[in-house]
Amino acid sequence: MQPALEGRTALVTGGARGLGAAYARMLTEEGASVVIADVLDEPGEALADELGPRAGYAHLDVTDHDQWKALVAETSATVGPITILINNAGVHSFGTVQGDSLANFRRVQEINVHGAFMGINTVAPVMAGAKGGVIINVSSTCGIIGYGDQAAYVTSKWAVRGLTKAAALDLAPDNIRVFVIVPGPFATPMTAPFRRELEQLVRSQPVSRVGDPREAAKLVRYLCVDATYSTGAEFFADGGAMTGMSLPEA
């Protein structure tokens, strides 16, 4: 059977490790040519080597519009028009609304929100020329409810959801479907410093464990391959956390 994404070209930002690496691995397994874009050059290059000839690595600062334009142009010329974009790059930050610095608040928005906007803005014309595509933005459970001491991060992940809705409406005439996924606690390098706290947190959610990145990748596969009658929608991979929390056992 032919792989589901044979002949497609995908760009994954923040693809060097964690959830981004899981998305890149799934896409290559499904036959796509994948550009792993990140600022973490060493792990990004190592992952591309591991995944084989379908994968390549490119240094990309998602806050630099000129770098976006250069990468999209080069990819289109050498690999093929990008028809799958996963705006996964992001940073986490602790800080309260009264204690965080304006510089840090801006930095988080520039990476998590402006970076996703630049990706859509740069790639959408290529997708339109290719008669369609799929864009997947990455939010968080922090983008569904408020979390204390994470003002910049919470703000950014709510904004990503709004950006997704706007893009889905604007790009529908070009046959471009736009989604946002909402990951909960996953075992990644980003969450490693507070893994113990996560283990405690997930005990009260319906699926009471930390997620495996491969599970999020399966959701991304569904959106790329099968979700042909959906756009602008939010898809959860959160262990049911946003459904509600169970009371602890006595």
C-alpha atoms as a PDB file:
ATOM      1  CA  MET A   1       0.000   0.000   0.000  1.00  0.00           C
ATOM      2  CA  GLN A   2       1.318   3.441  -0.921  1.00  0.00           C
ATOM      3  CA  PRO A   3       2.126   5.652   2.093  1.00  0.00           C
ATOM      4  CA  ALA A   4      -0.648   8.149   2.769  1.00  0.00           C
ATOM      5  CA  LEU A   5       1.509  11.244   2.250  1.00  0.00           C
ATOM      6  CA  GLU A   6       3.653  10.073  -0.640  1.00  0.00           C
ATOM      7  CA  GLY A   7       4.810  13.011  -2.746  1.00  0.00           C
ATOM      8  CA  ARG A   8       3.915  15.683  -0.183  1.00  0.00           C
ATOM      9  CA  THR A   9       6.392  18.185   1.263  1.00  0.00           C
ATOM     10  CA  ALA A  10       6.090  19.123   4.936  1.00  0.00           C
ATOM     11  CA  LEU A  11       7.759  21.749   7.099  1.00  0.00           C
ATOM     12  CA  VAL A  12       7.879  21.211  10.864  1.00  0.00           C
ATOM     13  CA  THR A  13       9.115  24.069  13.040  1.00  0.00           C
ATOM     14  CA  GLY A  14      10.634  23.201  16.372  1.00  0.00           C
ATOM     15  CA  GLY A  15      11.190  19.805  14.801  1.00  0.00           C
ATOM     16  CA  ALA A  16      14.530  18.875  16.340  1.00  0.00           C
ATOM     17  CA  ARG A  17      13.150  17.186  19.446  1.00  0.00           C
ATOM     18  CA  GLY A  18      10.072  16.460  21.528  1.00  0.00           C
ATOM     19  CA  LEU A  19       6.678  16.582  19.847  1.00  0.00           C
ATOM     20  CA  GLY A  20       8.148  18.190  16.732  1.00  0.00           C
ATOM     21  CA  ALA A  21      10.510  15.263  16.234  1.00  0.00           C
ATOM     22  CA  ALA A  22       7.596  12.845  16.619  1.00  0.00           C
ATOM     23  CA  TYR A  23       5.660  14.719  13.927  1.00  0.00           C
ATOM     24  CA  ALA A  24       8.661  14.686  11.589  1.00  0.00           C
ATOM     25  CA  ARG A  25       9.190  10.962  12.116  1.00  0.00           C
ATOM     26  CA  MET A  26       5.529  10.171  11.406  1.00  0.00           C
ATOM     27  CA  LEU A  27       5.502  12.301   8.256  1.00  0.00           C
ATOM     28  CA  THR A  28       8.539  10.561   6.802  1.00  0.00           C
ATOM     29  CA  GLU A  29       7.058   7.170   7.641  1.00  0.00           C
ATOM     30  CA  GLU A  30       3.939   8.205   5.728  1.00  0.00           C
ATOM     31  CA  GLY A  31       5.989   9.085   2.656  1.00  0.00           C
ATOM     32  CA  ALA A  32       6.334  12.863   2.914  1.00  0.00           C
ATOM     33  CA  SER A  33       9.540  14.773   2.325  1.00  0.00           C
ATOM     34  CA  VAL A  34      10.138  16.667   5.565  1.00  0.00           C
ATOM     35  CA  VAL A  35      12.084  19.802   6.386  1.00  0.00           C
ATOM     36  CA  ILE A  36      12.951  19.857  10.085  1.00  0.00           C
ATOM     37  CA  ALA A  37      13.301  23.530  11.007  1.00  0.00           C
ATOM     38  CA  ASP A  38      14.763  24.639  14.314  1.00  0.00           C
ATOM     39  CA  VAL A  39      17.479  26.682  15.999  1.00  0.00           C
ATOM     40  CA  LEU A  40      18.850  23.540  17.668  1.00  0.00           C
ATOM     41  CA  ASP A  41      21.225  22.613  14.885  1.00  0.00           C
ATOM     42  CA  GLU A  42      22.966  19.586  16.350  1.00  0.00           C
ATOM     43  CA  PRO A  43      19.875  17.561  17.360  1.00  0.00           C
ATOM     44  CA  GLY A  44      18.059  18.721  14.225  1.00  0.00           C
ATOM     45  CA  GLU A  45      20.808  17.491  11.931  1.00  0.00           C
ATOM     46  CA  ALA A  46      21.065  14.225  13.885  1.00  0.00           C
ATOM     47  CA  LEU A  47      17.336  13.602  13.540  1.00  0.00           C
ATOM     48  CA  ALA A  48      17.424  14.310   9.798  1.00  0.00           C
ATOM     49  CA  ASP A  49      20.287  11.821   9.419  1.00  0.00           C
ATOM     50  CA  GLU A  50      18.338   9.248  11.431  1.00  0.00           C
ATOM     51  CA  LEU A  51      15.180   9.650   9.339  1.00  0.00           C
ATOM     52  CA  GLY A  52      17.004   9.180   6.068  1.00  0.00           C
ATOM     53  CA  PRO A  53      16.736  10.686   2.593  1.00  0.00           C
ATOM     54  CA  ARG A  54      13.160  11.920   3.003  1.00  0.00           C
ATOM     55  CA  ALA A  55      14.275  14.343   5.746  1.00  0.00           C
ATOM     56  CA  GLY A  56      16.479  17.410   5.804  1.00  0.00           C
ATOM     57  CA  TYR A  57      17.372  19.988   8.424  1.00  0.00           C
ATOM     58  CA  ALA A  58      17.280  23.781   8.102  1.00  0.00           C
ATOM     59  CA  HIS A  59      18.173  26.434  10.655  1.00  0.00           C
ATOM     60  CA  LEU A  60      15.160  28.703  11.166  1.00  0.00           C
ATOM     61  CA  ASP A  61      14.497  31.468  13.655  1.00  0.00           C
ATOM     62  CA  VAL A  62      10.702  31.621  13.396  1.00  0.00           C
ATOM     63  CA  THR A  63      10.691  35.290  14.429  1.00  0.00           C
ATOM     64  CA  ASP A  64      12.703  36.279  11.329  1.00  0.00           C
ATOM     65  CA  HIS A  65      10.444  36.829   8.319  1.00  0.00           C
ATOM     66  CA  ASP A  66      13.384  36.941   5.913  1.00  0.00           C
ATOM     67  CA  GLN A  67      14.531  33.513   7.078  1.00  0.00           C
ATOM     68  CA  TRP A  68      11.014  32.196   6.515  1.00  0.00           C
ATOM     69  CA  LYS A  69      10.926  33.563   2.975  1.00  0.00           C
ATOM     70  CA  ALA A  70      14.359  32.153   2.127  1.00  0.00           C
ATOM     71  CA  LEU A  71      13.565  28.692   3.516  1.00  0.00           C
ATOM     72  CA  VAL A  72      10.184  28.431   1.783  1.00  0.00           C
ATOM     73  CA  ALA A  73      11.676  29.539  -1.525  1.00  0.00           C
ATOM     74  CA  GLU A  74      14.591  27.113  -1.257  1.00  0.00           C
ATOM     75  CA  THR A  75      12.349  24.219  -0.244  1.00  0.00           C
ATOM     76  CA  SER A  76       9.926  24.875  -3.079  1.00  0.00           C
ATOM     77  CA  ALA A  77      12.792  24.967  -5.576  1.00  0.00           C
ATOM     78  CA  THR A  78      14.718  21.921  -4.361  1.00  0.00           C
ATOM     79  CA  VAL A  79      12.153  19.609  -2.718  1.00  0.00           C
ATOM     80  CA  GLY A  80       8.701  20.703  -3.837  1.00  0.00           C
ATOM     81  CA  PRO A  81       5.906  23.061  -2.819  1.00  0.00           C
ATOM     82  CA  ILE A  82       5.134  22.875   0.888  1.00  0.00           C
ATOM     83  CA  THR A  83       1.615  21.492   1.375  1.00  0.00           C
ATOM     84  CA  ILE A  84       1.894  20.600   5.076  1.00  0.00           C
ATOM     85  CA  LEU A  85       3.005  23.144   7.685  1.00  0.00           C
ATOM     86  CA  ILE A  86       3.210  22.330  11.376  1.00  0.00           C
ATOM     87  CA  ASN A  87       3.792  25.443  13.461  1.00  0.00           C
ATOM     88  CA  ASN A  88       5.213  23.611  16.450  1.00  0.00           C
ATOM     89  CA  ALA A  89       8.057  25.915  17.539  1.00  0.00           C
ATOM     90  CA  GLY A  90       7.450  27.449  20.933  1.00  0.00           C
ATOM     91  CA  VAL A  91       8.911  28.363  24.286  1.00  0.00           C
ATOM     92  CA  HIS A  92       7.506  27.996  27.769  1.00  0.00           C
ATOM     93  CA  SER A  93       7.846  30.652  30.409  1.00  0.00           C
ATOM     94  CA  PHE A  94       6.948  31.102  34.047  1.00  0.00           C
ATOM     95  CA  GLY A  95       6.015  34.538  35.369  1.00  0.00           C
ATOM     96  CA  THR A  96       3.026  36.334  36.827  1.00  0.00           C
ATOM     97  CA  VAL A  97       1.288  39.323  35.251  1.00  0.00           C
ATOM     98  CA  GLN A  98       2.820  41.594  37.880  1.00  0.00           C
ATOM     99  CA  GLY A  99       6.214  39.918  38.034  1.00  0.00           C
ATOM    100  CA  ASP A 100       7.124  39.091  34.437  1.00  0.00           C
ATOM    101  CA  SER A 101       9.188  41.532  32.406  1.00  0.00           C
ATOM    102  CA  LEU A 102       7.817  43.211  29.306  1.00  0.00           C
ATOM    103  CA  ALA A 103      10.841  41.953  27.373  1.00  0.00           C
ATOM    104  CA  ASN A 104      10.094  38.323  28.269  1.00  0.00           C
ATOM    105  CA  PHE A 105       6.380  38.715  27.563  1.00  0.00           C
ATOM    106  CA  ARG A 106       7.187  40.062  24.120  1.00  0.00           C
ATOM    107  CA  ARG A 107       9.746  37.312  23.465  1.00  0.00           C
ATOM    108  CA  VAL A 108       7.190  34.572  24.151  1.00  0.00           C
ATOM    109  CA  GLN A 109       4.601  36.193  21.864  1.00  0.00           C
ATOM    110  CA  GLU A 110       7.177  36.682  19.106  1.00  0.00           C
ATOM    111  CA  ILE A 111       8.113  33.001  19.072  1.00  0.00           C
ATOM    112  CA  ASN A 112       4.794  31.343  19.856  1.00  0.00           C
ATOM    113  CA  VAL A 113       2.392  33.678  18.006  1.00  0.00           C
ATOM    114  CA  HIS A 114       4.290  35.859  15.563  1.00  0.00           C
ATOM    115  CA  GLY A 115       6.309  32.835  14.439  1.00  0.00           C
ATOM    116  CA  ALA A 116       3.143  30.909  13.602  1.00  0.00           C
ATOM    117  CA  PHE A 117       1.716  33.928  11.778  1.00  0.00           C
ATOM    118  CA  MET A 118       4.876  34.320   9.699  1.00  0.00           C
ATOM    119  CA  GLY A 119       4.764  30.650   8.797  1.00  0.00           C
ATOM    120  CA  ILE A 120       1.170  30.883   7.593  1.00  0.00           C
ATOM    121  CA  ASN A 121       1.801  34.183   5.835  1.00  0.00           C
ATOM    122  CA  THR A 122       4.816  32.793   3.953  1.00  0.00           C
ATOM    123  CA  VAL A 123       3.636  29.269   3.167  1.00  0.00           C
ATOM    124  CA  ALA A 124      -0.022  29.944   2.283  1.00  0.00           C
ATOM    125  CA  PRO A 125       0.723  31.391  -1.183  1.00  0.00           C
ATOM    126  CA  VAL A 126       2.766  28.282  -2.013  1.00  0.00           C
ATOM    127  CA  MET A 127      -0.075  26.038  -0.868  1.00  0.00           C
ATOM    128  CA  ALA A 128      -2.549  28.056  -2.924  1.00  0.00           C
ATOM    129  CA  GLY A 129      -0.385  27.542  -5.986  1.00  0.00           C
ATOM    130  CA  ALA A 130      -0.319  23.814  -5.252  1.00  0.00           C
ATOM    131  CA  LYS A 131      -4.157  23.775  -5.059  1.00  0.00           C
ATOM    132  CA  GLY A 132      -4.345  23.195  -1.320  1.00  0.00           C
ATOM    133  CA  GLY A 133      -2.655  22.186   1.883  1.00  0.00           C
ATOM    134  CA  VAL A 134      -2.885  21.625   5.618  1.00  0.00           C
ATOM    135  CA  ILE A 135      -1.649  23.933   8.371  1.00  0.00           C
ATOM    136  CA  ILE A 136      -1.505  22.699  11.951  1.00  0.00           C
ATOM    137  CA  ASN A 137      -0.842  25.134  14.783  1.00  0.00           C
ATOM    138  CA  VAL A 138       0.069  23.970  18.266  1.00  0.00           C
ATOM    139  CA  SER A 139      -1.671  25.420  21.308  1.00  0.00           C
ATOM    140  CA  SER A 140      -1.836  23.880  24.792  1.00  0.00           C
ATOM    141  CA  THR A 141      -4.264  23.204  27.581  1.00  0.00           C
ATOM    142  CA  CYS A 142      -2.915  26.561  28.806  1.00  0.00           C
ATOM    143  CA  GLY A 143      -4.735  27.985  25.797  1.00  0.00           C
ATOM    144  CA  ILE A 144      -8.074  26.620  26.990  1.00  0.00           C
ATOM    145  CA  ILE A 145      -8.014  27.567  30.676  1.00  0.00           C
ATOM    146  CA  GLY A 146      -5.864  29.916  32.702  1.00  0.00           C
ATOM    147  CA  TYR A 147      -2.770  28.739  34.561  1.00  0.00           C
ATOM    148  CA  GLY A 148      -1.173  30.823  37.306  1.00  0.00           C
ATOM    149  CA  ASP A 149       2.413  32.051  37.047  1.00  0.00           C
ATOM    150  CA  GLN A 150       2.483  31.522  33.257  1.00  0.00           C
ATOM    151  CA  ALA A 151       1.029  34.784  31.970  1.00  0.00           C
ATOM    152  CA  ALA A 152       3.085  35.087  28.778  1.00  0.00           C
ATOM    153  CA  TYR A 153       2.707  31.439  27.813  1.00  0.00           C
ATOM    154  CA  VAL A 154      -1.033  31.309  28.513  1.00  0.00           C
ATOM    155  CA  THR A 155      -1.584  34.473  26.468  1.00  0.00           C
ATOM    156  CA  SER A 156       0.375  33.090  23.531  1.00  0.00           C
ATOM    157  CA  LYS A 157      -1.453  29.786  23.428  1.00  0.00           C
ATOM    158  CA  TRP A 158      -4.876  31.466  23.529  1.00  0.00           C
ATOM    159  CA  ALA A 159      -3.731  33.699  20.663  1.00  0.00           C
ATOM    160  CA  VAL A 160      -2.703  30.701  18.560  1.00  0.00           C
ATOM    161  CA  ARG A 161      -6.275  29.439  18.717  1.00  0.00           C
ATOM    162  CA  GLY A 162      -7.606  32.773  17.451  1.00  0.00           C
ATOM    163  CA  LEU A 163      -5.011  32.854  14.684  1.00  0.00           C
ATOM    164  CA  THR A 164      -6.177  29.409  13.598  1.00  0.00           C
ATOM    165  CA  LYS A 165      -9.803  30.498  13.308  1.00  0.00           C
ATOM    166  CA  ALA A 166      -8.881  33.573  11.266  1.00  0.00           C
ATOM    167  CA  ALA A 167      -6.579  31.614   8.966  1.00  0.00           C
ATOM    168  CA  ALA A 168      -9.158  28.879   8.389  1.00  0.00           C
ATOM    169  CA  LEU A 169     -11.650  31.463   7.130  1.00  0.00           C
ATOM    170  CA  ASP A 170      -9.156  33.429   5.061  1.00  0.00           C
ATOM    171  CA  LEU A 171      -7.586  30.389   3.408  1.00  0.00           C
ATOM    172  CA  ALA A 172     -10.665  28.257   2.761  1.00  0.00           C
ATOM    173  CA  PRO A 173     -11.048  29.576  -0.841  1.00  0.00           C
ATOM    174  CA  ASP A 174      -7.567  28.193  -1.585  1.00  0.00           C
ATOM    175  CA  ASN A 175      -8.460  24.719  -0.297  1.00  0.00           C
ATOM    176  CA  ILE A 176      -6.174  25.118   2.720  1.00  0.00           C
ATOM    177  CA  ARG A 177      -7.414  23.489   5.907  1.00  0.00           C
ATOM    178  CA  VAL A 178      -6.167  24.942   9.202  1.00  0.00           C
ATOM    179  CA  PHE A 179      -6.274  23.213  12.572  1.00  0.00           C
ATOM    180  CA  VAL A 180      -5.041  23.704  16.094  1.00  0.00           C
ATOM    181  CA  ILE A 181      -4.029  20.828  18.312  1.00  0.00           C
ATOM    182  CA  VAL A 182      -4.143  21.079  22.086  1.00  0.00           C
ATOM    183  CA  PRO A 183      -1.537  18.878  23.752  1.00  0.00           C
ATOM    184  CA  GLY A 184      -1.668  18.155  27.444  1.00  0.00           C
ATOM    185  CA  PRO A 185       1.239  16.789  29.495  1.00  0.00           C
ATOM    186  CA  PHE A 186       3.703  14.920  27.277  1.00  0.00           C
ATOM    187  CA  ALA A 187       7.101  13.445  28.020  1.00  0.00           C
ATOM    188  CA  THR A 188       9.378  15.875  26.154  1.00  0.00           C
ATOM    189  CA  PRO A 189      12.587  17.794  26.885  1.00  0.00           C
ATOM    190  CA  MET A 190      10.461  20.898  27.562  1.00  0.00           C
ATOM    191  CA  THR A 191       8.557  19.175  30.368  1.00  0.00           C
ATOM    192  CA  ALA A 192      11.499  17.179  31.756  1.00  0.00           C
ATOM    193  CA  PRO A 193      12.432  19.776  34.434  1.00  0.00           C
ATOM    194  CA  PHE A 194       9.015  19.420  36.074  1.00  0.00           C
ATOM    195  CA  ARG A 195       8.222  15.801  35.232  1.00  0.00           C
ATOM    196  CA  ARG A 196       7.505  14.956  38.883  1.00  0.00           C
ATOM    197  CA  GLU A 197       4.866  17.667  39.081  1.00  0.00           C
ATOM    198  CA  LEU A 198       3.288  16.385  35.861  1.00  0.00           C
ATOM    199  CA  GLU A 199       3.086  12.862  37.244  1.00  0.00           C
ATOM    200  CA  GLN A 200       1.099  14.263  40.160  1.00  0.00           C
ATOM    201  CA  LEU A 201      -1.101  16.399  37.918  1.00  0.00           C
ATOM    202  CA  VAL A 202      -2.190  13.645  35.538  1.00  0.00           C
ATOM    203  CA  ARG A 203      -3.476  11.420  38.338  1.00  0.00           C
ATOM    204  CA  SER A 204      -6.735  13.377  38.350  1.00  0.00           C
ATOM    205  CA  GLN A 205      -7.352  13.388  34.589  1.00  0.00           C
ATOM    206  CA  PRO A 206      -9.383  10.644  32.848  1.00  0.00           C
ATOM    207  CA  VAL A 207      -6.341   9.073  31.135  1.00  0.00           C
ATOM    208  CA  SER A 208      -4.128   9.232  34.192  1.00  0.00           C
ATOM    209  CA  ARG A 209      -0.639   9.248  32.677  1.00  0.00           C
ATOM    210  CA  VAL A 210       1.762  11.496  30.815  1.00  0.00           C
ATOM    211  CA  GLY A 211       1.406  11.236  27.039  1.00  0.00           C
ATOM    212  CA  ASP A 212       3.818   9.628  24.584  1.00  0.00           C
ATOM    213  CA  PRO A 213       4.769  11.980  21.702  1.00  0.00           C
ATOM    214  CA  ARG A 214       3.860   9.237  19.235  1.00  0.00           C
ATOM    215  CA  GLU A 215       0.237   9.621  20.345  1.00  0.00           C
ATOM    216  CA  ALA A 216       0.232  13.292  19.348  1.00  0.00           C
ATOM    217  CA  ALA A 217       1.792  12.311  16.015  1.00  0.00           C
ATOM    218  CA  LYS A 218      -1.118   9.979  15.326  1.00  0.00           C
ATOM    219  CA  LEU A 219      -3.497  12.910  15.727  1.00  0.00           C
ATOM    220  CA  VAL A 220      -1.421  14.991  13.313  1.00  0.00           C
ATOM    221  CA  ARG A 221      -1.557  12.129  10.806  1.00  0.00           C
ATOM    222  CA  TYR A 222      -5.350  12.084  11.028  1.00  0.00           C
ATOM    223  CA  LEU A 223      -5.535  15.824  10.362  1.00  0.00           C
ATOM    224  CA  CYS A 224      -3.200  15.592   7.381  1.00  0.00           C
ATOM    225  CA  VAL A 225      -4.817  12.534   5.826  1.00  0.00           C
ATOM    226  CA  ASP A 226      -8.409  12.037   6.906  1.00  0.00           C
ATOM    227  CA  ALA A 227      -9.902  15.254   8.349  1.00  0.00           C
ATOM    228  CA  THR A 228     -11.083  16.421   4.933  1.00  0.00           C
ATOM    229  CA  TYR A 229     -14.408  17.828   6.167  1.00  0.00           C
ATOM    230  CA  SER A 230     -12.903  19.864   9.010  1.00  0.00           C
ATOM    231  CA  THR A 231     -11.141  23.205   9.284  1.00  0.00           C
ATOM    232  CA  GLY A 232     -10.709  25.837  11.968  1.00  0.00           C
ATOM    233  CA  ALA A 233     -11.266  23.145  14.575  1.00  0.00           C
ATOM    234  CA  GLU A 234      -9.484  22.296  17.804  1.00  0.00           C
ATOM    235  CA  PHE A 235      -8.317  18.733  18.403  1.00  0.00           C
ATOM    236  CA  PHE A 236      -7.237  17.575  21.848  1.00  0.00           C
ATOM    237  CA  ALA A 237      -4.475  15.195  22.882  1.00  0.00           C
ATOM    238  CA  ASP A 238      -4.622  15.905  26.586  1.00  0.00           C
ATOM    239  CA  GLY A 239      -5.586  12.684  28.350  1.00  0.00           C
ATOM    240  CA  GLY A 240      -9.050  14.171  28.801  1.00  0.00           C
ATOM    241  CA  ALA A 241      -7.713  16.895  31.072  1.00  0.00           C
ATOM    242  CA  MET A 242     -10.010  19.569  29.613  1.00  0.00           C
ATOM    243  CA  THR A 243     -13.004  17.266  30.096  1.00  0.00           C
ATOM    244  CA  GLY A 244     -12.619  17.686  33.852  1.00  0.00           C
ATOM    245  CA  MET A 245     -10.711  16.322  36.788  1.00  0.00           C
ATOM    246  CA  SER A 246     -11.670  13.378  38.968  1.00  0.00           C
ATOM    247  CA  LEU A 247     -11.621  13.643  42.737  1.00  0.00           C
ATOM    248  CA  PRO A 248      -8.601  11.914  44.284  1.00  0.00           C
ATOM    249  CA  GLU A 249      -9.264   8.506  45.808  1.00  0.00           C
ATOM    250  CA  ALA A 250      -9.798   8.508  49.531  1.00  0.00           C
END
